[in-house]
Amino acid sequence: MEIRGLSVVLALVASGLGACSDAMPAAPPPREAVAAAGAPATSPAAAAGAFLAALDRGGRADATFDFDDDERRDWTYLPGGRGGLPLADMDTAQRAAAFALVDSGLGVHGRRLARGVLQLEGTLREIERAGGSWLAFRRDPERYHLAVFGDPRGTPPWGWRFEGHHLSVNVTDLGPHGQVVAPLFVGANPARVPSGPQAGHRLLAEEEDLAFELLHLLDPAQRARAVIAAQSPGDIVSGDDPAAPAIAPAGLPASAMNDAQRRQLRRLLALYASRMADAAASRQLQRIDEAGFDRLHFAWAGAHQPRAPHYYRIHGPTVLVEYDNSQDGGNHVHSVWRDLENDFGGDLLRRHYAAAAHRH
């Protein structure tokens, strides 16, 4: 069994994390309070406590829920209303505290992507406004909501969610069992900025490029196994259900890959894991190895070249990673990491409750 620490695995994507260094789209992040994407994260509980302390009574009422509230699992990546306090209702200090909490659950790559999604929302608004689309009014970089579930100053579990169009970060804090950062969704529309000063910018360039590289590393027989459909499904198959649906393994198993192909698969998987905070990412990757890296399946659907609708997924006993670029002619990406055992805490949360009951 091959177990790799996060530092070793992330070295595989170190060059890739700098590869998408295009200047960000012209739309600025919401006000000046958005911290630098590479800023170090603080303690999650301390960050949550500081955020709640920065709010007035009304803000705390909007931002907080019981841990067992159904809202905690009612996640979505679509535009529209959701629970929590929106950035639009926060002042500068409150926004800074909000992003300190968000940063506590994300790695450097994830922080960059989160801010990039908000900036792309402004870019999309300008594109749709210029085209006369009625949808432009729905695009708002300040319509992203932060919700805290349970009491971060008390006994775990507790959690939080930062969510809006094309972004959903769901964190469950289990004290000694650490954080579960799943489901973790990042989208990009446009996937490639079509015009203007930032033409060509791709927020999720690495997620696309590494996957195409893997596809093209396969020989014809392997590619025939990996390709599960001639057309992409139109969206991620798992959708925004609270529990990821059961999907039969399909595509090319890692056990049928050569060393170079397996390294590329691992590099792609590590890129997705690097969206979350280092400790959470390390646990995820270790569990994948413990369950058997060879049991992962790489599946593809749709076009075999960029700028046309395509889809892929990495599926194993503990994880489902999906990437779909089907909408708008292949210029609109949805991507997600699902923990098939521990989304929203899952099995770890049940063990946490069992251990607490046993102690009493």
Protein backbone atom coordinates (compact mmCIF):
# COMPACT_ATOMS: atom_id res chain seq x y z
CA MET A 1 0.00 0.00 0.00
CA GLU A 2 1.36 3.38 -0.98
CA ILE A 3 0.78 6.17 1.55
CA ARG A 4 2.02 9.63 0.70
CA GLY A 5 2.08 12.68 2.92
CA LEU A 6 0.48 15.84 1.65
CA SER A 7 3.82 17.58 1.13
CA VAL A 8 4.98 14.84 -1.25
CA VAL A 9 1.72 14.65 -3.16
CA LEU A 10 1.30 18.41 -3.50
CA ALA A 11 4.80 18.61 -4.93
CA LEU A 12 3.31 16.91 -7.96
CA VAL A 13 1.08 19.92 -8.56
CA ALA A 14 3.41 22.66 -7.38
CA SER A 15 4.25 23.69 -10.91
CA GLY A 16 0.60 23.53 -11.89
CA LEU A 17 -0.49 25.85 -9.10
CA GLY A 18 1.56 28.55 -10.73
CA ALA A 19 0.63 27.64 -14.28
CA CYS A 20 -2.70 29.44 -14.20
CA SER A 21 -1.23 32.80 -13.27
CA ASP A 22 -3.30 34.84 -15.72
CA ALA A 23 -4.34 38.18 -14.35
CA MET A 24 -7.77 37.95 -12.80
CA PRO A 25 -10.79 39.40 -14.60
CA ALA A 26 -11.38 43.10 -14.30
CA ALA A 27 -14.31 42.72 -11.90
CA PRO A 28 -12.87 43.39 -8.42
CA PRO A 29 -13.51 41.23 -5.36
CA PRO A 30 -16.26 42.53 -3.08
CA ARG A 31 -14.79 45.68 -1.54
CA GLU A 32 -11.29 45.85 -0.18
CA ALA A 33 -11.87 43.41 2.67
CA VAL A 34 -11.05 40.29 0.70
CA ALA A 35 -7.73 39.13 2.15
CA ALA A 36 -4.82 37.96 0.01
CA ALA A 37 -5.39 34.44 -1.26
CA GLY A 38 -2.12 33.20 0.16
CA ALA A 39 -2.73 34.52 3.68
CA PRO A 40 -2.16 31.91 6.40
CA ALA A 41 -5.28 30.43 7.94
CA THR A 42 -6.00 30.86 11.65
CA SER A 43 -7.58 28.33 14.04
CA PRO A 44 -11.03 27.44 12.68
CA ALA A 45 -12.78 27.82 16.05
CA ALA A 46 -11.00 31.11 16.77
CA ALA A 47 -11.82 32.39 13.28
CA ALA A 48 -15.49 31.44 13.67
CA GLY A 49 -15.65 33.03 17.11
CA ALA A 50 -14.09 36.24 15.81
CA PHE A 51 -16.54 36.37 12.91
CA LEU A 52 -19.56 35.95 15.19
CA ALA A 53 -18.18 38.49 17.67
CA ALA A 54 -17.88 41.05 14.87
CA LEU A 55 -21.61 40.83 14.09
CA ASP A 56 -24.47 42.64 15.75
CA ARG A 57 -27.44 40.72 17.10
CA GLY A 58 -29.30 40.77 13.79
CA GLY A 59 -26.26 39.63 11.84
CA ARG A 60 -25.66 36.74 14.24
CA ALA A 61 -29.30 35.71 13.93
CA ASP A 62 -28.93 35.51 10.15
CA ALA A 63 -25.54 33.79 10.26
CA THR A 64 -26.15 31.08 12.88
CA PHE A 65 -28.09 27.83 12.91
CA ASP A 66 -28.29 24.80 15.15
CA PHE A 67 -25.84 22.13 14.10
CA ASP A 68 -28.66 19.70 13.34
CA ASP A 69 -30.68 22.23 11.32
CA ASP A 70 -31.67 20.89 7.89
CA GLU A 71 -30.07 24.00 6.38
CA ARG A 72 -26.61 22.51 6.99
CA ARG A 73 -27.10 19.83 4.33
CA ASP A 74 -29.25 21.94 1.98
CA TRP A 75 -26.38 22.95 -0.27
CA THR A 76 -26.47 24.09 -3.89
CA TYR A 77 -24.22 25.63 -6.52
CA LEU A 78 -27.06 27.35 -8.40
CA PRO A 79 -27.85 31.09 -8.19
CA GLY A 80 -30.57 32.14 -5.80
CA GLY A 81 -31.28 32.60 -2.12
CA ARG A 82 -29.74 30.55 0.67
CA GLY A 83 -29.28 30.68 4.41
CA GLY A 84 -26.55 32.66 6.11
CA LEU A 85 -25.34 36.24 6.14
CA PRO A 86 -24.46 37.66 2.69
CA LEU A 87 -21.32 39.65 2.04
CA ALA A 88 -23.57 42.53 1.01
CA ASP A 89 -24.71 42.89 4.62
CA MET A 90 -21.19 42.91 6.10
CA ASP A 91 -18.97 45.89 6.73
CA THR A 92 -15.24 45.88 6.05
CA ALA A 93 -14.21 44.38 9.40
CA GLN A 94 -16.92 41.73 9.24
CA ARG A 95 -15.85 40.73 5.73
CA ALA A 96 -12.26 40.40 6.87
CA ALA A 97 -13.41 38.13 9.70
CA ALA A 98 -15.60 36.16 7.29
CA PHE A 99 -12.72 35.48 4.91
CA ALA A 100 -10.45 34.50 7.79
CA LEU A 101 -12.96 31.76 8.58
CA VAL A 102 -13.23 30.74 4.93
CA ASP A 103 -9.43 30.59 4.69
CA SER A 104 -9.27 28.25 7.69
CA GLY A 105 -10.94 25.51 5.65
CA LEU A 106 -9.09 26.02 2.36
CA GLY A 107 -5.58 25.55 1.04
CA VAL A 108 -3.79 28.18 -1.01
CA HIS A 109 -5.28 26.78 -4.23
CA GLY A 110 -8.76 26.77 -2.72
CA ARG A 111 -8.48 30.33 -1.45
CA ARG A 112 -7.45 31.48 -4.91
CA LEU A 113 -10.35 29.63 -6.50
CA ALA A 114 -12.90 30.97 -4.01
CA ARG A 115 -11.89 34.54 -4.71
CA GLY A 116 -11.73 33.78 -8.41
CA VAL A 117 -15.33 32.55 -8.43
CA LEU A 118 -16.51 35.82 -6.87
CA GLN A 119 -14.55 37.82 -9.41
CA LEU A 120 -15.91 35.75 -12.29
CA GLU A 121 -19.44 36.44 -11.06
CA GLY A 122 -18.78 40.12 -11.69
CA THR A 123 -17.26 39.33 -15.07
CA LEU A 124 -20.31 37.26 -16.01
CA ARG A 125 -22.60 40.11 -14.98
CA GLU A 126 -20.79 42.50 -17.30
CA ILE A 127 -20.81 39.99 -20.18
CA GLU A 128 -24.54 39.36 -19.80
CA ARG A 129 -25.33 43.03 -19.32
CA ALA A 130 -23.45 43.90 -22.52
CA GLY A 131 -25.38 41.17 -24.34
CA GLY A 132 -28.74 42.42 -23.06
CA SER A 133 -29.43 39.27 -21.03
CA TRP A 134 -32.07 39.51 -18.32
CA LEU A 135 -29.93 37.14 -16.23
CA ALA A 136 -27.38 39.88 -15.50
CA PHE A 137 -29.34 41.10 -12.47
CA ARG A 138 -28.82 37.71 -10.78
CA ARG A 139 -25.03 37.96 -10.94
CA ASP A 140 -23.73 39.60 -7.79
CA PRO A 141 -20.28 39.05 -6.21
CA GLU A 142 -21.77 40.17 -2.90
CA ARG A 143 -24.51 37.52 -2.88
CA TYR A 144 -22.33 34.91 -1.20
CA HIS A 145 -23.48 33.77 2.23
CA LEU A 146 -21.61 32.57 5.31
CA ALA A 147 -23.46 30.37 7.79
CA VAL A 148 -22.20 28.87 11.07
CA PHE A 149 -23.79 25.70 12.42
CA GLY A 150 -23.53 24.95 16.12
CA ASP A 151 -21.26 26.71 18.59
CA PRO A 152 -17.57 26.93 17.62
CA ARG A 153 -16.77 28.03 21.18
CA GLY A 154 -18.31 24.90 22.68
CA THR A 155 -17.84 21.16 22.28
CA PRO A 156 -17.58 19.84 18.71
CA PRO A 157 -19.17 19.12 16.33
CA TRP A 158 -19.86 22.42 14.66
CA GLY A 159 -19.49 23.61 11.09
CA TRP A 160 -19.84 26.38 8.54
CA ARG A 161 -20.69 26.96 4.90
CA PHE A 162 -19.66 29.66 2.47
CA GLU A 163 -21.87 29.53 -0.60
CA GLY A 164 -23.18 31.35 -3.63
CA HIS A 165 -23.39 30.81 -7.36
CA HIS A 166 -20.67 28.33 -8.40
CA LEU A 167 -19.13 28.04 -4.93
CA SER A 168 -20.05 25.84 -1.99
CA VAL A 169 -17.56 25.19 0.80
CA ASN A 170 -19.01 22.89 3.48
CA VAL A 171 -16.89 22.29 6.58
CA THR A 172 -17.68 20.04 9.52
CA ASP A 173 -15.34 20.37 12.51
CA LEU A 174 -15.11 17.20 14.59
CA GLY A 175 -12.54 18.29 17.14
CA PRO A 176 -9.96 15.47 17.50
CA HIS A 177 -11.12 13.96 14.20
CA GLY A 178 -10.28 17.21 12.40
CA GLN A 179 -12.21 18.94 9.64
CA VAL A 180 -14.18 17.40 6.80
CA VAL A 181 -14.25 19.82 3.86
CA ALA A 182 -16.94 18.21 1.70
CA PRO A 183 -18.94 18.66 -0.41
CA LEU A 184 -16.59 21.18 -2.00
CA PHE A 185 -17.85 22.71 -5.25
CA VAL A 186 -16.15 25.21 -7.56
CA GLY A 187 -17.54 26.38 -10.89
CA ALA A 188 -16.42 28.84 -13.55
CA ASN A 189 -18.57 30.78 -16.01
CA PRO A 190 -17.07 31.71 -18.34
CA ALA A 191 -14.51 28.93 -18.16
CA ARG A 192 -12.43 30.99 -20.57
CA VAL A 193 -13.04 34.75 -20.58
CA PRO A 194 -14.00 35.41 -24.21
CA SER A 195 -13.06 39.07 -24.65
CA GLY A 196 -11.84 42.21 -23.02
CA PRO A 197 -8.59 42.92 -21.19
CA GLN A 198 -8.67 39.51 -19.47
CA ALA A 199 -9.52 37.49 -22.58
CA GLY A 200 -8.27 33.93 -22.28
CA HIS A 201 -8.22 33.79 -18.48
CA ARG A 202 -9.23 30.34 -17.20
CA LEU A 203 -9.90 29.96 -13.48
CA LEU A 204 -9.93 26.15 -13.67
CA ALA A 205 -7.21 25.75 -16.26
CA GLU A 206 -5.26 23.14 -14.31
CA GLU A 207 -8.29 20.96 -13.68
CA GLU A 208 -8.92 20.86 -17.43
CA ASP A 209 -5.34 20.65 -18.67
CA LEU A 210 -4.17 17.85 -16.36
CA ALA A 211 -7.21 15.75 -17.27
CA PHE A 212 -6.67 16.15 -21.01
CA GLU A 213 -3.03 15.24 -20.50
CA LEU A 214 -4.10 12.04 -18.75
CA LEU A 215 -6.61 11.21 -21.47
CA HIS A 216 -3.95 11.62 -24.14
CA LEU A 217 -1.48 9.48 -22.19
CA LEU A 218 -3.82 6.52 -22.64
CA ASP A 219 -3.32 4.13 -25.52
CA PRO A 220 -6.30 3.40 -27.80
CA ALA A 221 -7.41 0.33 -25.86
CA GLN A 222 -7.20 2.15 -22.53
CA ARG A 223 -9.01 5.17 -23.92
CA ALA A 224 -11.80 2.94 -25.18
CA ARG A 225 -12.27 1.70 -21.60
CA ALA A 226 -12.07 5.18 -20.10
CA VAL A 227 -14.63 6.76 -22.42
CA ILE A 228 -18.11 5.97 -21.09
CA ALA A 229 -20.15 8.14 -23.49
CA ALA A 230 -19.71 10.03 -26.72
CA GLN A 231 -21.44 13.08 -25.27
CA SER A 232 -21.03 14.78 -21.91
CA PRO A 233 -23.94 14.37 -19.47
CA GLY A 234 -24.67 18.10 -19.30
CA ASP A 235 -23.73 18.54 -15.64
CA ILE A 236 -22.08 16.71 -12.78
CA VAL A 237 -23.98 13.46 -12.22
CA SER A 238 -24.09 13.79 -8.44
CA GLY A 239 -25.87 17.16 -8.58
CA ASP A 240 -26.42 18.93 -5.28
CA ASP A 241 -28.04 16.08 -3.39
CA PRO A 242 -27.10 16.01 0.31
CA ALA A 243 -25.93 12.41 -0.15
CA ALA A 244 -23.98 11.59 -3.28
CA PRO A 245 -25.95 9.04 -5.34
CA ALA A 246 -24.61 5.54 -5.75
CA ILE A 247 -22.73 5.33 -9.04
CA ALA A 248 -21.38 2.08 -10.39
CA PRO A 249 -17.62 2.16 -11.06
CA ALA A 250 -17.01 2.89 -14.72
CA GLY A 251 -14.10 3.82 -16.93
CA LEU A 252 -10.45 2.79 -16.70
CA PRO A 253 -9.23 1.51 -13.31
CA ALA A 254 -5.92 2.78 -12.00
CA SER A 255 -4.82 -0.85 -11.82
CA ALA A 256 -4.85 -0.91 -15.65
CA MET A 257 -2.61 2.16 -15.97
CA ASN A 258 1.15 2.28 -16.32
CA ASP A 259 3.37 4.22 -13.92
CA ALA A 260 3.28 7.48 -15.89
CA GLN A 261 -0.50 7.38 -16.18
CA ARG A 262 -0.91 6.62 -12.48
CA ARG A 263 1.36 9.55 -11.61
CA GLN A 264 -0.78 11.82 -13.75
CA LEU A 265 -3.97 10.53 -12.11
CA ARG A 266 -2.45 11.12 -8.70
CA ARG A 267 -1.38 14.60 -9.74
CA LEU A 268 -4.92 15.45 -10.88
CA LEU A 269 -6.43 14.04 -7.69
CA ALA A 270 -3.95 15.97 -5.54
CA LEU A 271 -4.86 19.18 -7.34
CA TYR A 272 -8.49 18.77 -6.25
CA ALA A 273 -7.47 17.84 -2.71
CA SER A 274 -5.30 20.96 -2.52
CA ARG A 275 -8.45 23.06 -2.60
CA MET A 276 -9.01 22.17 1.06
CA ALA A 277 -6.83 22.92 4.07
CA ASP A 278 -3.64 20.88 4.23
CA ALA A 279 -4.60 18.62 7.13
CA ALA A 280 -7.98 17.78 5.62
CA ALA A 281 -6.40 17.17 2.21
CA SER A 282 -3.75 14.89 3.68
CA ARG A 283 -6.39 12.77 5.42
CA GLN A 284 -8.43 12.50 2.23
CA LEU A 285 -5.45 11.35 0.16
CA GLN A 286 -4.33 8.89 2.82
CA ARG A 287 -7.81 7.35 2.98
CA ILE A 288 -7.80 6.97 -0.81
CA ASP A 289 -4.51 5.08 -0.61
CA GLU A 290 -5.69 2.96 2.29
CA ALA A 291 -8.84 2.00 0.39
CA GLY A 292 -6.66 1.12 -2.61
CA PHE A 293 -5.42 3.60 -5.19
CA ASP A 294 -5.75 0.89 -7.83
CA ARG A 295 -9.51 0.84 -7.19
CA LEU A 296 -9.93 4.37 -8.53
CA HIS A 297 -11.63 4.65 -11.93
CA PHE A 298 -11.06 7.43 -14.44
CA ALA A 299 -14.06 7.98 -16.73
CA TRP A 300 -14.50 10.39 -19.64
CA ALA A 301 -17.40 11.57 -21.79
CA GLY A 302 -17.66 14.01 -24.66
CA ALA A 303 -15.01 15.75 -26.71
CA HIS A 304 -11.35 14.71 -26.60
CA GLN A 305 -10.13 18.27 -27.21
CA PRO A 306 -10.73 21.52 -25.30
CA ARG A 307 -13.35 24.15 -26.20
CA ALA A 308 -16.07 21.57 -26.74
CA PRO A 309 -18.38 19.88 -24.17
CA HIS A 310 -16.57 17.26 -22.09
CA TYR A 311 -16.80 15.56 -18.71
CA TYR A 312 -14.64 13.38 -16.50
CA ARG A 313 -14.73 11.85 -13.07
CA ILE A 314 -12.45 10.06 -10.63
CA HIS A 315 -14.38 7.55 -8.57
CA GLY A 316 -13.21 5.25 -5.79
CA PRO A 317 -14.42 3.69 -2.54
CA THR A 318 -14.07 6.94 -0.59
CA VAL A 319 -14.16 9.72 -3.16
CA LEU A 320 -16.03 11.08 -6.16
CA VAL A 321 -14.47 13.93 -8.12
CA GLU A 322 -16.51 15.27 -11.04
CA TYR A 323 -15.75 17.89 -13.66
CA ASP A 324 -18.25 18.92 -16.32
CA ASN A 325 -17.72 21.53 -19.02
CA SER A 326 -20.89 21.08 -21.09
CA GLN A 327 -22.91 24.27 -20.95
CA ASP A 328 -22.42 27.28 -23.23
CA GLY A 329 -20.68 25.17 -25.83
CA GLY A 330 -18.00 23.97 -23.44
CA ASN A 331 -17.28 27.27 -21.68
CA HIS A 332 -18.99 26.73 -18.32
CA VAL A 333 -17.42 24.40 -15.73
CA HIS A 334 -18.88 22.64 -12.71
CA SER A 335 -16.51 20.65 -10.48
CA VAL A 336 -16.92 18.96 -7.12
CA TRP A 337 -15.21 16.81 -4.50
CA ARG A 338 -17.56 14.43 -2.65
CA ASP A 339 -16.44 12.34 0.31
CA LEU A 340 -18.52 9.20 -0.13
CA GLU A 341 -18.18 8.29 3.54
CA ASN A 342 -17.91 11.64 5.29
CA ASP A 343 -19.80 14.38 3.42
CA PHE A 344 -21.10 16.76 6.11
CA GLY A 345 -19.28 14.62 8.70
CA GLY A 346 -20.90 11.32 7.70
CA ASP A 347 -19.34 8.23 9.23
CA LEU A 348 -16.85 10.29 11.23
CA LEU A 349 -19.69 12.26 12.79
CA ARG A 350 -21.51 9.05 13.73
CA ARG A 351 -18.34 7.69 15.35
CA HIS A 352 -17.87 10.99 17.17
CA TYR A 353 -21.38 10.79 18.64
CA ALA A 354 -20.88 7.12 19.55
CA ALA A 355 -17.64 7.88 21.38
CA ALA A 356 -19.26 10.78 23.25
CA ALA A 357 -22.15 8.55 24.34
CA HIS A 358 -19.70 5.88 25.50
CA ARG A 359 -17.80 8.40 27.65
CA HIS A 360 -21.03 9.23 29.47
